[in-house]
């Protein structure tokens, strides 16, 4: 009995041992599986870790390279390689490589919602503003040494360099500036002091501060904002106080802008503050992303005068509210009836944006381009009753003069940032507009303009009791268009001091006025009408030309420096020379875009 029990117990123990051996095998199999899986996870994790580390190398190399952009891509390549080495990566044959490609990060299309689609074009049009860095590395598996995997990381960085400039006005005579702005604003008297104008002229504001003061939030908000001239002056006054470091005398600037806003309230015309499409606006933005210009600064005086000219553009000529007899140079020789009027045929603009020509278009237009106003300044001189032998004192002498100036254009050709603002450079290509000194009645609309010619009609010089009239329509070219480059440093200081034409406005008009006096003295340039019938001058030719020479020679020779020249300068127009004002270059911190 006992033996039978022992046999059964032995059988059970052997069966249990077999079951235990089977369990151990299963456990061992699971252990091997999990060990292999763990080792695989370690290898995969290592691949991802190496991929992340390689991506950091690409990111930092692209950011460093973008801060040293040049159009040959020499500097970005050297900087990218050096930066990668600093971060522990060195290109070695085919096992690890680093490539650097420069190009343009630009708008390449438009999405369905109307927003811009941006993309990188390798080796695209210059100037380059982007760099793509591609890094590859062969990574072996820890537990399968014979198996390797190549990983790749790519980064694209953009460096936004923004220049801003204007084909600008010159603060000449304060009384003339007050009179001109009074006229452009619809007749409201502007009477700011020298201190106020100087305060405004030395005030600069950032676009971000303008956007905040205008309650539009961002620079992108300025693209849809419209305001009157008074509103713009108030916005500038608020913006000046946001960053006083950009303004020489904040108190004088704010006081002047506030006073200007008060007197400009009668001008109800609303104008666009900014445009990316080339439309009429205070600011012409040559940027795919307007917000990148947030820290760009512009001048308050230029903004005010451009705003006033835009508000007046396309309207009838306005008389300049100025007492001509208060000008000491000409007061003693001015006729009893003299009037001055201004017609803004096409308004000016202030440019903010990136350098280089527009993609697919030869320059101009440039990506960023400004122009001054297209104007006609008319001076009508009425001498009242004059006496000529045989005609007594029945005749009235009138001399209608006007200067017609086509706009000068300026484009941001190139921009290069360096370690300091003083070492940074940007180049503006300038083309002057054609200008003519004319005798006759000036054009009143831009549609009447003719390229290179006086666009108005012949005007009446002499009238004898309403029976006999002498008319003339003369044109004297003041200049030929010229093109040259102006170089500025990063602070906006002009470094090139000479231009192909060094004659200033006064000299150009002075020479033309002398020539005009000679032409008016030539009987062949005058037409005589008797009751509408064209006649020759006959016996009175010498008397008429002598009278014209006596009256006009001293007056015309003085008008250029005392009146016409300074007025055109205030309007931002110079004959033969484009007065470009540069603002500080904004060297933006490079940013990753892909």
Protein backbone atom coordinates (compact mmCIF):
# COMPACT_ATOMS: atom_id res chain seq x y z
CA UNK A 1 0.00 0.00 0.00
CA UNK A 2 2.75 2.30 0.95
CA UNK A 3 4.61 1.44 -2.23
CA UNK A 4 1.58 2.21 -4.35
CA UNK A 5 1.31 5.65 -2.75
CA UNK A 6 4.99 6.37 -3.38
CA UNK A 7 4.65 5.44 -7.04
CA UNK A 8 1.75 7.82 -7.51
CA UNK A 9 3.62 10.59 -5.70
CA UNK A 10 6.68 10.11 -7.92
CA UNK A 11 4.56 10.31 -11.01
CA UNK A 12 3.03 13.56 -9.83
CA UNK A 13 6.42 15.02 -9.03
CA UNK A 14 7.82 14.09 -12.42
CA UNK A 15 4.79 15.60 -14.17
CA UNK A 16 5.17 18.78 -12.12
CA UNK A 17 8.85 18.97 -13.02
CA UNK A 18 7.97 18.63 -16.69
CA UNK A 19 5.40 21.41 -16.34
CA UNK A 20 7.95 23.64 -14.59
CA UNK A 21 10.49 23.03 -17.34
CA UNK A 22 7.88 24.05 -19.91
CA UNK A 23 7.05 27.27 -18.04
CA UNK A 24 10.70 28.23 -17.86
CA UNK A 25 11.02 27.80 -21.61
CA UNK A 26 8.03 30.06 -22.22
CA UNK A 27 9.36 32.63 -19.79
CA UNK A 28 12.78 32.46 -21.43
CA UNK A 29 11.20 32.94 -24.84
CA UNK A 30 9.29 35.99 -23.61
CA UNK A 31 12.45 37.30 -21.95
CA UNK A 32 14.41 36.98 -25.18
CA UNK A 33 11.58 38.67 -27.10
CA UNK A 34 11.39 41.59 -24.70
CA UNK A 35 15.18 41.89 -24.64
CA UNK A 36 15.31 42.08 -28.42
CA UNK A 37 12.41 44.55 -28.42
CA UNK A 38 14.14 46.66 -25.79
CA UNK A 39 17.35 46.64 -27.78
CA UNK A 40 15.34 47.63 -30.87
CA UNK A 41 13.70 50.45 -28.95
CA UNK A 42 17.12 51.64 -27.84
CA UNK A 43 18.33 51.64 -31.43
CA UNK A 44 15.20 53.45 -32.67
CA UNK A 45 15.44 55.93 -29.81
CA UNK A 46 19.06 56.51 -30.69
CA UNK A 47 18.09 57.20 -34.29
CA UNK A 48 15.52 59.76 -33.16
CA UNK A 49 17.97 61.25 -30.70
CA UNK A 50 20.62 61.56 -33.40
CA UNK A 51 17.99 62.98 -35.77
CA UNK A 52 17.05 65.61 -33.20
CA UNK A 53 20.66 66.50 -32.55
CA UNK A 54 21.28 66.73 -36.29
CA UNK A 55 18.22 68.98 -36.68
CA UNK A 56 19.64 71.30 -34.02
CA UNK A 57 22.89 71.46 -35.97
CA UNK A 58 20.98 72.38 -39.15
CA UNK A 59 18.80 74.95 -37.36
CA UNK A 60 21.67 76.77 -35.67
CA UNK A 61 23.82 76.67 -38.81
CA UNK A 62 20.99 78.14 -40.92
CA UNK A 63 20.28 80.89 -38.39
CA UNK A 64 23.96 81.82 -38.18
CA UNK A 65 24.37 81.79 -41.96
CA UNK A 66 21.28 83.95 -42.53
CA UNK A 67 22.78 86.70 -40.39
CA UNK A 68 25.73 87.00 -42.77
CA UNK A 69 23.96 86.99 -46.14
CA UNK A 70 25.73 88.07 -49.31
CA UNK A 71 24.85 87.62 -52.95
CA UNK A 72 27.76 85.26 -53.65
CA UNK A 73 26.80 82.96 -50.74
CA UNK A 74 30.46 82.84 -49.71
CA UNK A 75 30.01 84.17 -46.20
CA UNK A 76 26.90 82.13 -45.34
CA UNK A 77 28.65 78.88 -46.31
CA UNK A 78 31.69 79.66 -44.19
CA UNK A 79 29.56 80.70 -41.22
CA UNK A 80 27.34 77.59 -41.46
CA UNK A 81 30.33 75.23 -41.50
CA UNK A 82 31.96 77.01 -38.57
CA UNK A 83 28.74 77.00 -36.56
CA UNK A 84 28.17 73.28 -37.19
CA UNK A 85 31.71 72.55 -36.05
CA UNK A 86 31.08 74.51 -32.86
CA UNK A 87 28.06 72.27 -32.23
CA UNK A 88 30.11 69.11 -32.67
CA UNK A 89 29.41 68.30 -36.32
CA UNK A 90 32.12 68.00 -38.96
CA UNK A 91 31.53 66.89 -42.54
CA UNK A 92 33.57 63.76 -43.31
CA UNK A 93 33.32 62.20 -46.74
CA UNK A 94 30.03 60.43 -47.37
CA UNK A 95 29.37 59.46 -43.76
CA UNK A 96 28.48 63.03 -42.77
CA UNK A 97 27.81 65.94 -45.13
CA UNK A 98 26.73 69.58 -44.90
CA UNK A 99 25.41 71.62 -47.82
CA UNK A 100 24.45 75.29 -47.88
CA UNK A 101 22.26 76.85 -50.58
CA UNK A 102 21.32 80.54 -50.71
CA UNK A 103 18.20 81.88 -52.36
CA UNK A 104 15.01 83.89 -51.90
CA UNK A 105 12.27 83.29 -49.35
CA UNK A 106 9.37 84.99 -51.11
CA UNK A 107 5.75 84.84 -52.03
CA UNK A 108 5.37 82.07 -54.59
CA UNK A 109 1.61 82.04 -54.87
CA UNK A 110 -1.67 82.88 -53.22
CA UNK A 111 -3.88 80.66 -51.13
CA UNK A 112 -7.64 80.36 -51.56
CA UNK A 113 -8.24 82.71 -48.63
CA UNK A 114 -6.13 85.40 -50.31
CA UNK A 115 -3.11 85.12 -48.02
CA UNK A 116 0.36 84.77 -49.50
CA UNK A 117 1.93 81.37 -50.03
CA UNK A 118 5.61 81.58 -49.15
CA UNK A 119 8.38 79.37 -50.47
CA UNK A 120 12.14 79.10 -50.83
CA UNK A 121 13.71 79.37 -54.29
CA UNK A 122 17.29 77.99 -54.26
CA UNK A 123 19.74 80.20 -56.14
CA UNK A 124 16.86 82.57 -56.90
CA UNK A 125 17.05 86.24 -57.79
CA UNK A 126 19.37 88.43 -55.79
CA UNK A 127 19.64 89.91 -53.28
CA UNK A 128 19.42 86.67 -51.34
CA UNK A 129 17.44 86.75 -48.13
CA UNK A 130 17.33 83.08 -47.22
CA UNK A 131 19.62 80.09 -46.74
CA UNK A 132 18.86 76.36 -46.65
CA UNK A 133 21.21 74.04 -44.75
CA UNK A 134 21.03 70.27 -45.27
CA UNK A 135 22.97 67.95 -42.95
CA UNK A 136 23.31 64.17 -43.35
CA UNK A 137 24.90 61.60 -41.06
CA UNK A 138 25.25 57.81 -41.16
CA UNK A 139 24.22 56.25 -37.84
CA UNK A 140 25.01 52.56 -37.06
CA UNK A 141 22.67 50.40 -35.00
CA UNK A 142 23.99 49.43 -31.56
CA UNK A 143 23.22 45.71 -31.82
CA UNK A 144 23.44 45.22 -35.56
CA UNK A 145 26.81 46.68 -36.39
CA UNK A 146 26.60 45.63 -40.00
CA UNK A 147 23.39 47.67 -40.48
CA UNK A 148 23.52 51.48 -40.79
CA UNK A 149 20.99 54.19 -41.52
CA UNK A 150 21.49 57.66 -43.04
CA UNK A 151 19.52 60.44 -41.41
CA UNK A 152 18.93 63.90 -42.88
CA UNK A 153 17.98 67.25 -41.36
CA UNK A 154 17.12 70.42 -43.29
CA UNK A 155 16.53 73.96 -42.05
CA UNK A 156 15.71 77.16 -43.93
CA UNK A 157 16.24 80.56 -42.32
CA UNK A 158 15.33 84.01 -43.54
CA UNK A 159 17.07 87.26 -42.73
CA UNK A 160 14.85 90.30 -43.18
CA UNK A 161 16.81 93.47 -43.92
CA UNK A 162 14.45 96.42 -44.32
CA UNK A 163 15.40 99.83 -45.63
CA UNK A 164 13.22 102.93 -45.65
CA UNK A 165 13.66 106.21 -47.50
CA UNK A 166 11.81 109.03 -49.21
CA UNK A 167 12.44 111.31 -52.16
CA UNK A 168 12.12 113.99 -49.60
CA UNK A 169 11.17 117.53 -48.81
CA UNK A 170 13.54 120.16 -47.50
CA UNK A 171 12.62 122.45 -44.62
CA UNK A 172 13.35 125.78 -46.28
CA UNK A 173 11.43 128.95 -45.32
CA UNK A 174 8.94 128.53 -42.49
CA UNK A 175 6.55 131.18 -43.82
CA UNK A 176 6.51 129.44 -47.19
CA UNK A 177 5.88 126.06 -45.51
CA UNK A 178 2.98 127.49 -43.51
CA UNK A 179 1.51 129.08 -46.64
CA UNK A 180 1.88 125.96 -48.75
CA UNK A 181 0.28 123.66 -46.17
CA UNK A 182 -2.53 126.16 -45.58
CA UNK A 183 -3.36 125.89 -49.27
CA UNK A 184 -3.09 122.11 -49.48
CA UNK A 185 -5.38 121.73 -46.46
CA UNK A 186 -8.17 123.78 -47.97
CA UNK A 187 -7.40 127.29 -46.81
CA UNK A 188 -7.11 126.85 -43.04
CA UNK A 189 -4.30 129.06 -41.80
CA UNK A 190 -1.24 127.11 -40.63
CA UNK A 191 1.04 129.29 -38.55
CA UNK A 192 3.51 127.07 -36.71
CA UNK A 193 6.71 128.56 -35.32
CA UNK A 194 10.26 127.73 -36.37
CA UNK A 195 10.72 125.75 -33.14
CA UNK A 196 7.62 123.66 -33.81
CA UNK A 197 8.64 122.84 -37.37
CA UNK A 198 12.17 121.97 -36.27
CA UNK A 199 10.71 119.71 -33.58
CA UNK A 200 8.58 117.91 -36.15
CA UNK A 201 11.45 117.71 -38.65
CA UNK A 202 13.65 116.01 -36.04
CA UNK A 203 10.98 113.53 -34.92
CA UNK A 204 11.10 109.89 -36.04
CA UNK A 205 8.56 107.20 -35.18
CA UNK A 206 8.41 103.42 -35.52
CA UNK A 207 5.69 101.83 -37.60
CA UNK A 208 4.75 99.68 -34.60
CA UNK A 209 4.13 102.83 -32.55
CA UNK A 210 2.08 104.33 -35.40
CA UNK A 211 -0.02 101.14 -35.52
CA UNK A 212 -0.56 101.24 -31.76
CA UNK A 213 -1.49 104.94 -31.77
CA UNK A 214 -3.90 104.34 -34.68
CA UNK A 215 -5.58 101.51 -32.72
CA UNK A 216 -5.02 98.97 -35.50
CA UNK A 217 -2.73 96.73 -33.44
CA UNK A 218 -0.13 95.69 -36.00
CA UNK A 219 1.59 96.97 -39.12
CA UNK A 220 -0.67 94.62 -41.10
CA UNK A 221 -3.55 96.62 -39.65
CA UNK A 222 -2.17 99.78 -41.26
CA UNK A 223 -2.80 98.25 -44.70
CA UNK A 224 -6.55 98.65 -44.22
CA UNK A 225 -6.45 101.89 -42.23
CA UNK A 226 -7.57 105.26 -43.61
CA UNK A 227 -7.27 108.61 -41.88
CA UNK A 228 -7.55 112.34 -42.45
CA UNK A 229 -4.47 114.56 -42.28
CA UNK A 230 -5.54 115.75 -38.82
CA UNK A 231 -5.91 112.15 -37.63
CA UNK A 232 -2.45 111.34 -38.95
CA UNK A 233 -0.94 114.31 -37.10
CA UNK A 234 -2.61 113.17 -33.87
CA UNK A 235 -1.38 109.61 -34.38
CA UNK A 236 2.16 110.88 -34.94
CA UNK A 237 1.96 112.99 -31.77
CA UNK A 238 1.01 109.88 -29.76
CA UNK A 239 3.64 107.74 -31.48
CA UNK A 240 6.43 110.25 -30.77
CA UNK A 241 5.74 109.88 -27.06
CA UNK A 242 6.00 106.08 -27.25
CA UNK A 243 9.71 106.11 -28.12
CA UNK A 244 11.27 109.45 -27.26
CA UNK A 245 14.77 108.16 -28.06
CA UNK A 246 14.06 108.66 -31.77
CA UNK A 247 13.17 112.35 -31.39
CA UNK A 248 15.53 115.22 -30.61
CA UNK A 249 12.93 117.37 -28.80
CA UNK A 250 9.82 115.39 -27.85
CA UNK A 251 8.05 118.37 -26.30
CA UNK A 252 8.49 120.58 -29.39
CA UNK A 253 7.47 117.76 -31.71
CA UNK A 254 4.32 116.88 -29.76
CA UNK A 255 3.37 120.55 -29.43
CA UNK A 256 3.84 121.16 -33.15
CA UNK A 257 1.98 118.01 -34.21
CA UNK A 258 -0.92 118.76 -31.86
CA UNK A 259 -1.20 122.32 -33.19
CA UNK A 260 -1.06 121.04 -36.77
CA UNK A 261 -3.79 118.48 -36.06
CA UNK A 262 -6.02 121.27 -34.77
CA UNK A 263 -5.71 123.47 -37.87
CA UNK A 264 -5.87 120.51 -40.29
CA UNK A 265 -9.27 119.40 -38.99
CA UNK A 266 -11.06 121.11 -41.89
CA UNK A 267 -9.51 118.71 -44.42
CA UNK A 268 -11.95 115.80 -44.53
CA UNK A 269 -10.21 113.75 -47.23
CA UNK A 270 -9.26 110.30 -45.97
CA UNK A 271 -6.08 108.72 -47.27
CA UNK A 272 -4.63 105.23 -47.00
CA UNK A 273 -1.82 104.89 -44.48
CA UNK A 274 -0.02 101.95 -46.11
CA UNK A 275 -0.17 99.86 -49.27
CA UNK A 276 1.59 96.72 -50.51
CA UNK A 277 0.16 96.94 -54.03
CA UNK A 278 1.58 100.28 -55.16
CA UNK A 279 -1.64 102.17 -54.56
CA UNK A 280 -1.69 105.77 -53.36
CA UNK A 281 -0.76 105.72 -49.68
CA UNK A 282 1.54 107.37 -47.16
CA UNK A 283 3.74 104.29 -46.97
CA UNK A 284 4.63 102.04 -49.89
CA UNK A 285 5.59 98.65 -48.42
CA UNK A 286 7.78 96.30 -50.45
CA UNK A 287 7.34 93.32 -48.11
CA UNK A 288 5.63 89.94 -48.22
CA UNK A 289 5.06 90.24 -44.47
CA UNK A 290 4.23 93.81 -43.47
CA UNK A 291 4.64 93.04 -39.77
CA UNK A 292 8.38 92.52 -40.25
CA UNK A 293 8.67 96.31 -40.66
CA UNK A 294 7.37 96.98 -37.15
CA UNK A 295 10.66 98.49 -35.94
CA UNK A 296 11.31 100.61 -39.03
CA UNK A 297 11.25 104.35 -38.32
CA UNK A 298 9.99 107.18 -40.55
CA UNK A 299 10.15 110.96 -40.27
CA UNK A 300 7.16 112.93 -38.97
CA UNK A 301 7.64 115.98 -41.22
CA UNK A 302 7.84 113.82 -44.34
CA UNK A 303 4.66 112.03 -43.25
CA UNK A 304 2.76 115.30 -42.77
CA UNK A 305 3.75 116.85 -46.09
CA UNK A 306 3.14 113.62 -48.04
CA UNK A 307 -0.28 113.32 -46.35
CA UNK A 308 -1.18 116.90 -47.30
CA UNK A 309 -0.11 116.34 -50.91
CA UNK A 310 -2.09 113.10 -51.17
CA UNK A 311 -5.16 114.87 -49.79
CA UNK A 312 -4.84 117.56 -52.48
CA UNK A 313 -3.86 115.30 -55.39
CA UNK A 314 -6.25 115.37 -58.33
CA UNK A 315 -8.08 118.48 -57.16
CA UNK A 316 -8.07 121.94 -58.71
CA UNK A 317 -4.93 124.08 -58.30
CA UNK A 318 -4.81 125.95 -55.00
CA UNK A 319 -3.44 129.42 -54.36
CA UNK A 320 -0.51 129.49 -51.96
CA UNK A 321 -1.44 131.65 -48.99
CA UNK A 322 1.66 133.80 -48.90
CA UNK A 323 2.29 137.52 -48.88
CA UNK A 324 4.73 137.71 -51.78
CA UNK A 325 5.68 141.25 -50.82
CA UNK A 326 7.13 139.88 -47.58
CA UNK A 327 9.94 138.20 -49.52
CA UNK A 328 12.81 140.70 -49.24
CA UNK A 329 14.61 139.63 -52.40
CA UNK A 330 11.70 140.33 -54.75
CA UNK A 331 9.40 142.67 -52.83
CA UNK A 332 10.89 145.78 -54.42
CA UNK A 333 10.39 144.52 -57.98
CA UNK A 334 7.19 142.45 -57.74
CA UNK A 335 4.24 143.70 -59.80
CA UNK A 336 1.13 144.91 -58.09
CA UNK A 337 -0.80 141.73 -58.95
CA UNK A 338 1.08 138.49 -58.38
CA UNK A 339 -0.35 135.09 -57.48
CA UNK A 340 1.19 131.71 -56.78
CA UNK A 341 -0.63 128.38 -57.08
CA UNK A 342 0.25 124.72 -56.67
CA UNK A 343 -1.30 121.73 -58.37
CA UNK A 344 -0.36 118.27 -57.09
CA UNK A 345 -0.94 116.10 -60.16
CA UNK A 346 0.43 112.92 -58.57
CA UNK A 347 1.32 112.56 -54.86
CA UNK A 348 4.63 111.30 -53.44
CA UNK A 349 5.28 108.22 -51.31
CA UNK A 350 7.57 106.95 -48.55
CA UNK A 351 9.13 103.52 -49.17
CA UNK A 352 9.67 100.72 -46.64
CA UNK A 353 10.80 97.25 -47.64
CA UNK A 354 13.42 94.83 -48.88
CA UNK A 355 16.08 95.45 -51.50
CA UNK A 356 16.29 94.25 -55.07
CA UNK A 357 14.16 94.24 -58.23
CA UNK A 358 10.71 92.73 -58.37
CA UNK A 359 10.78 89.04 -59.39
CA UNK A 360 10.29 88.63 -63.11
CA UNK A 361 10.46 92.36 -63.84
CA UNK A 362 13.50 94.41 -64.83
CA UNK A 363 14.11 97.42 -62.57
CA UNK A 364 12.30 99.66 -62.15
CA UNK A 365 10.05 98.84 -60.45
CA UNK A 366 12.04 97.69 -57.48
CA UNK A 367 10.68 95.64 -54.63
CA UNK A 368 10.79 98.86 -52.62
CA UNK A 369 10.32 102.09 -54.56
CA UNK A 370 9.44 105.68 -53.69
CA UNK A 371 8.72 108.70 -55.83
CA UNK A 372 8.24 112.37 -55.22
CA UNK A 373 5.26 114.44 -56.29
CA UNK A 374 4.39 115.36 -59.85
CA UNK A 375 3.53 119.02 -59.59
CA UNK A 376 2.86 122.18 -61.53
CA UNK A 377 3.76 125.40 -59.70
CA UNK A 378 2.26 128.44 -61.41
CA UNK A 379 3.27 132.06 -60.88
CA UNK A 380 1.07 134.65 -62.54
CA UNK A 381 2.52 138.17 -62.77
CA UNK A 382 0.11 140.99 -63.64
CA UNK A 383 1.71 144.37 -64.31
CA UNK A 384 -1.47 146.40 -64.76
CA UNK A 385 -1.61 149.35 -67.19
CA UNK A 386 1.55 149.85 -69.25
CA UNK A 387 2.31 152.38 -71.96
CA UNK A 388 3.64 151.73 -75.46
CA UNK A 389 4.02 154.36 -78.13
CA UNK A 390 0.96 154.39 -80.36
CA UNK A 391 -1.15 152.43 -77.85
CA UNK A 392 -1.02 154.75 -74.85
CA UNK A 393 -1.68 153.05 -71.51
CA UNK A 394 -4.56 150.86 -72.64
CA UNK A 395 -2.67 147.58 -72.50
CA UNK A 396 -2.47 145.07 -69.65
CA UNK A 397 0.67 142.95 -69.28
CA UNK A 398 0.38 139.48 -67.79
CA UNK A 399 3.11 136.81 -67.55
CA UNK A 400 1.78 133.30 -66.73
CA UNK A 401 4.73 131.08 -65.73
CA UNK A 402 4.72 127.55 -64.43
CA UNK A 403 7.26 124.86 -63.64
CA UNK A 404 6.17 121.34 -64.52
CA UNK A 405 8.15 118.56 -62.85
CA UNK A 406 7.72 114.84 -63.48
CA UNK A 407 8.37 112.62 -60.46
CA UNK A 408 11.80 111.29 -59.62
CA UNK A 409 11.88 107.64 -58.61
CA UNK A 410 14.15 105.86 -56.16
CA UNK A 411 14.49 102.12 -55.60
CA UNK A 412 16.23 100.14 -52.88
CA UNK A 413 18.87 98.35 -54.95
CA UNK A 414 20.77 96.52 -52.21
CA UNK A 415 21.14 96.28 -48.44
CA UNK A 416 23.86 94.63 -46.38
CA UNK A 417 23.97 94.41 -42.61
CA UNK A 418 27.21 94.22 -40.66
CA UNK A 419 28.28 94.04 -37.02
CA UNK A 420 27.48 97.73 -36.48
CA UNK A 421 25.04 100.21 -37.99
CA UNK A 422 27.93 102.40 -39.13
CA UNK A 423 29.43 99.49 -41.07
CA UNK A 424 26.12 98.44 -42.65
CA UNK A 425 25.21 99.75 -46.09
CA UNK A 426 22.24 100.21 -48.37
CA UNK A 427 22.15 101.60 -51.91
CA UNK A 428 19.29 103.57 -53.46
CA UNK A 429 19.16 103.95 -57.24
CA UNK A 430 17.70 107.32 -58.21
CA UNK A 431 16.29 108.55 -61.50
CA UNK A 432 15.39 112.21 -61.82
CA UNK A 433 12.24 113.38 -63.59
CA UNK A 434 12.01 115.69 -66.58
CA UNK A 435 11.31 119.32 -65.71
CA UNK A 436 10.30 122.26 -67.87
CA UNK A 437 9.86 125.98 -67.33
CA UNK A 438 6.81 127.06 -69.27
CA UNK A 439 4.95 130.18 -70.35
CA UNK A 440 1.21 129.65 -70.62
CA UNK A 441 -1.65 128.19 -68.66
CA UNK A 442 -0.67 125.06 -66.67
CA UNK A 443 -2.44 121.68 -66.87
CA UNK A 444 -5.01 120.92 -64.21
CA UNK A 445 -5.11 117.11 -64.31
CA UNK A 446 -2.58 114.29 -64.59
CA UNK A 447 -4.31 113.16 -67.80
CA UNK A 448 -3.16 116.36 -69.55
CA UNK A 449 0.51 115.68 -68.90
CA UNK A 450 2.80 115.09 -71.87
CA UNK A 451 6.16 113.42 -71.41
CA UNK A 452 9.01 115.88 -71.81
CA UNK A 453 6.81 118.78 -72.92
CA UNK A 454 4.94 121.65 -71.33
CA UNK A 455 1.43 120.28 -71.12
CA UNK A 456 -0.57 123.50 -70.78
CA UNK A 457 -1.98 125.93 -73.31
CA UNK A 458 -0.61 129.22 -74.64
CA UNK A 459 -1.31 132.12 -72.31
CA UNK A 460 -2.13 135.78 -72.93
CA UNK A 461 0.76 138.17 -72.26
CA UNK A 462 -0.64 141.49 -73.53
CA UNK A 463 -4.16 142.75 -73.92
CA UNK A 464 -5.08 146.09 -75.50
CA UNK A 465 -8.57 147.19 -74.53
CA UNK A 466 -9.87 143.70 -75.24
CA UNK A 467 -9.19 144.15 -78.96
CA UNK A 468 -5.62 143.07 -79.48
CA UNK A 469 -3.97 140.20 -77.58
CA UNK A 470 -0.45 138.80 -77.63
CA UNK A 471 -0.12 135.12 -76.66
CA UNK A 472 2.84 132.82 -76.09
CA UNK A 473 3.39 129.19 -75.25
CA UNK A 474 7.06 128.56 -74.57
CA UNK A 475 8.92 125.59 -73.10
CA UNK A 476 12.46 125.44 -71.78
CA UNK A 477 13.89 122.16 -70.55
CA UNK A 478 15.48 122.41 -67.14
CA UNK A 479 17.15 119.01 -67.13
CA UNK A 480 17.44 115.58 -68.69
CA UNK A 481 16.71 112.43 -66.68
CA UNK A 482 19.77 110.99 -64.99
CA UNK A 483 20.38 107.82 -63.00
CA UNK A 484 22.84 107.33 -60.18
CA UNK A 485 23.33 105.39 -56.97
CA UNK A 486 23.33 106.85 -53.47
CA UNK A 487 24.98 104.88 -50.66
CA UNK A 488 23.84 105.17 -47.03
CA UNK A 489 25.13 103.58 -43.86
CA UNK A 490 22.91 101.70 -41.43
CA UNK A 491 21.99 104.89 -39.56
CA UNK A 492 20.55 106.47 -42.72
CA UNK A 493 23.51 108.81 -43.22
CA UNK A 494 24.32 109.43 -46.88
CA UNK A 495 27.91 108.48 -47.70
CA UNK A 496 28.05 109.55 -51.36
CA UNK A 497 28.13 113.33 -51.46
CA UNK A 498 28.04 114.04 -55.20
CA UNK A 499 25.63 113.28 -58.02
CA UNK A 500 26.04 113.51 -61.82
CA UNK A 501 24.23 116.86 -61.77
CA UNK A 502 25.49 119.11 -58.99
CA UNK A 503 23.35 122.08 -60.03
CA UNK A 504 20.75 122.77 -57.39
CA UNK A 505 17.28 123.93 -58.22
CA UNK A 506 18.06 127.64 -58.11
CA UNK A 507 20.85 127.41 -60.65
CA UNK A 508 18.78 125.33 -63.06
CA UNK A 509 15.78 127.64 -62.95
CA UNK A 510 17.98 130.72 -62.98
CA UNK A 511 19.57 129.66 -66.25
CA UNK A 512 16.18 128.79 -67.71
CA UNK A 513 14.65 132.10 -66.67
CA UNK A 514 17.43 133.96 -68.42
CA UNK A 515 16.78 131.92 -71.54
CA UNK A 516 13.05 132.53 -71.17
CA UNK A 517 13.58 136.27 -71.03
CA UNK A 518 15.52 136.04 -74.28
CA UNK A 519 12.80 133.95 -75.94
CA UNK A 520 10.07 136.37 -74.87
CA UNK A 521 12.03 139.17 -76.48
CA UNK A 522 11.94 137.34 -79.82
CA UNK A 523 8.91 138.45 -81.92
CA UNK A 524 8.82 135.04 -83.62
CA UNK A 525 7.76 133.43 -80.34
CA UNK A 526 4.74 135.71 -79.88
CA UNK A 527 1.34 135.57 -81.58
CA UNK A 528 -0.82 138.69 -82.07
CA UNK A 529 -4.59 138.50 -82.51
CA UNK A 530 -6.98 141.29 -83.54
CA UNK A 531 -10.54 140.31 -82.75
CA UNK A 532 -9.47 136.67 -83.10
CA UNK A 533 -7.49 137.17 -86.32
CA UNK A 534 -3.80 136.28 -86.12
CA UNK A 535 -1.58 139.20 -87.16
CA UNK A 536 2.13 139.93 -87.31
CA UNK A 537 3.67 142.21 -84.73
CA UNK A 538 4.62 144.73 -87.39
CA UNK A 539 5.79 148.12 -86.19
CA UNK A 540 5.10 147.50 -82.51
CA UNK A 541 7.39 144.45 -82.28
CA UNK A 542 10.37 146.30 -80.91
CA UNK A 543 8.20 148.24 -78.45
CA UNK A 544 6.59 145.08 -77.03
CA UNK A 545 9.81 143.08 -76.78
CA UNK A 546 11.56 146.05 -75.21
CA UNK A 547 8.81 146.36 -72.59
CA UNK A 548 8.99 142.63 -71.82
CA UNK A 549 12.75 142.77 -71.40
CA UNK A 550 12.58 145.82 -69.12
CA UNK A 551 9.93 144.33 -66.84
CA UNK A 552 10.96 140.69 -66.76
CA UNK A 553 14.75 140.57 -66.69
CA UNK A 554 15.29 141.74 -63.09
CA UNK A 555 12.25 139.89 -61.78
CA UNK A 556 12.85 136.49 -63.37
CA UNK A 557 16.47 136.42 -62.30
CA UNK A 558 15.45 136.88 -58.65
CA UNK A 559 12.46 134.53 -58.49
CA UNK A 560 14.38 131.27 -58.62
CA UNK A 561 16.21 131.62 -55.30
CA UNK A 562 13.50 133.58 -53.47
CA UNK A 563 10.31 131.75 -54.36
CA UNK A 564 10.05 129.00 -56.95
CA UNK A 565 13.07 127.02 -55.78
CA UNK A 566 12.19 126.89 -52.06
CA UNK A 567 8.55 126.08 -52.81
CA UNK A 568 9.46 123.11 -54.98
CA UNK A 569 11.88 121.89 -52.33
CA UNK A 570 9.10 121.92 -49.75
CA UNK A 571 7.00 119.83 -52.12
CA UNK A 572 9.86 117.33 -52.28
CA UNK A 573 10.86 118.33 -55.80
CA UNK A 574 14.26 119.40 -57.03
CA UNK A 575 15.16 119.92 -60.65
CA UNK A 576 18.03 117.73 -61.82
CA UNK A 577 18.67 116.38 -58.32
CA UNK A 578 16.53 113.98 -56.28
CA UNK A 579 16.90 114.73 -52.58
CA UNK A 580 16.70 111.25 -51.01
CA UNK A 581 16.40 110.98 -47.24
CA UNK A 582 17.49 107.65 -45.79
CA UNK A 583 16.19 106.26 -42.50
CA UNK A 584 17.98 103.73 -40.26
CA UNK A 585 18.42 100.26 -41.75
CA UNK A 586 16.59 97.54 -39.83
CA UNK A 587 18.74 94.43 -39.60
CA UNK A 588 16.23 91.88 -38.37
CA UNK A 589 17.21 88.82 -36.35
CA UNK A 590 17.23 85.74 -38.58
CA UNK A 591 14.28 83.39 -38.15
CA UNK A 592 13.58 79.80 -39.17
CA UNK A 593 10.89 79.55 -41.82
CA UNK A 594 11.10 75.86 -42.75
